């Protein structure tokens, strides 16, 4: 069914001008594994010959065979690591996708969600297009294939002008890699350089792993074509609009060692923690974080509050995504497998627990119970972002509005439900006015319900626009 179309929360990588392109793409994807763990793929171009390998699982599993890497010859490559934000995982939806049209080859990897995907797919279906996947990304390929523009770059630009929503893209042709961001610039995409080769990636941690140098971000609305001879063509085919970078990249999604939207993630997260401590101090003995995404914000909270930072929870890093059956009877096993309290740290202490966000609240409640069972005298929960009250339509996996605990309960009600002595969130105003934020505007629809562009209907009503 069209309504079952999946969207992708992913990591993308592209490289032009290095004979070890596939190997470098593999390393880049490995460092972007946090952006998607369901499947991975690499497509290379070797003097016009296209090679591809894709598979379900993590990057190291998909490309574990030496023979696989040896077949991926060429000096240009794009790669993709995927986590679907709606719908089930499927072999047919593994990216990059690859088509041949008018004697030209085009492969594509996409990070983001197209908000008008359903409308466009219905139109294309009506015109006779035959879809091979249930991904919104394939729509871009069909739009490019049906474009009347003479050049492939022109066809890509026309296709992108028709889609709406979040799209950070890498595309591969026989002789170039094309990088593109939607006009709002929802999701990050950076340009780098490595020994004369040009590189693009979702985050700069993919540059660090191979020793590449960050050059700049791909601009919102930019389509950048990079040829194997090192030449570049930059065009802005659409209308310029107000930027709307996803603030949640800083709060949770990106790696703390990355630079996204022109600023270091670690720096922003520390500031979020300091702001939280200044806005919501508490008389306590120690502060602990929910590992790993809240570690940096917790350090900021400790610095600003003067409380001692302690390791109160140990996370098991060897738990796979499929380890827990979502329908199992022992509902708290998922938390107890992933986390274990350090009883010697927590016993008889008044504990501040810092987390980056609360979504459904189920995991937070189980963690609080675990910390109390370890002997904590008091548990005070502090969140380094505002309450999440609305879903994301631009590429972050968030549940429906009904499943978001803060969409229907007040802070006091959530406090009682979690079983904490106090609960406080960082306010939206404080978050957006932090001095360390880049000089741009952000999408904060998940916190405010106000979006920078029209979004799909929720419960029959369109959400507010900011």
Foldseek 3Di string as FASTA:
>chain_A
DLVQFWEWQKKKKKKFAAFLRLVLQLLLQLLRQLRAFFKKKKWAAALQDIDIFIDTGGSCVRPVDPVNSVRRGHRIMMMMHTDILGHDDDPQPTDQDWDAAPNKIKTKYKFKFFQCLSVLVVVCVVVPDDDRHSYSVVSLVVQLRPDPDDDSVVSSLRSLQPTDFWIFMWMDINWKIKTATALQRAFWKFWWDDPLMIMIIRWCSSCVSVVIGTDGTQHHQWIWIAGNVGDIDIDRSYDHDAHAYAPVCLLFRPDQCTATPNHRSLVLLLLLLLLQCVVDPDPWAAEEEDPDRNHSSRVSVCVNRVHHYDHFKDFDPPDDPPNDDCPDPPNLVVLVNGIATDLVVAAQTAYEYEYAAAFQLPSLLSVLVRSVVSHHPFYEYEHSAAQFQQDDNIRDNGDHNVSGPVVPDDLVRSCVVSVHPYYDYRDPVSSQPDPRDPPGHHAPCRRVQADCDWGDDHPNHTTHHD
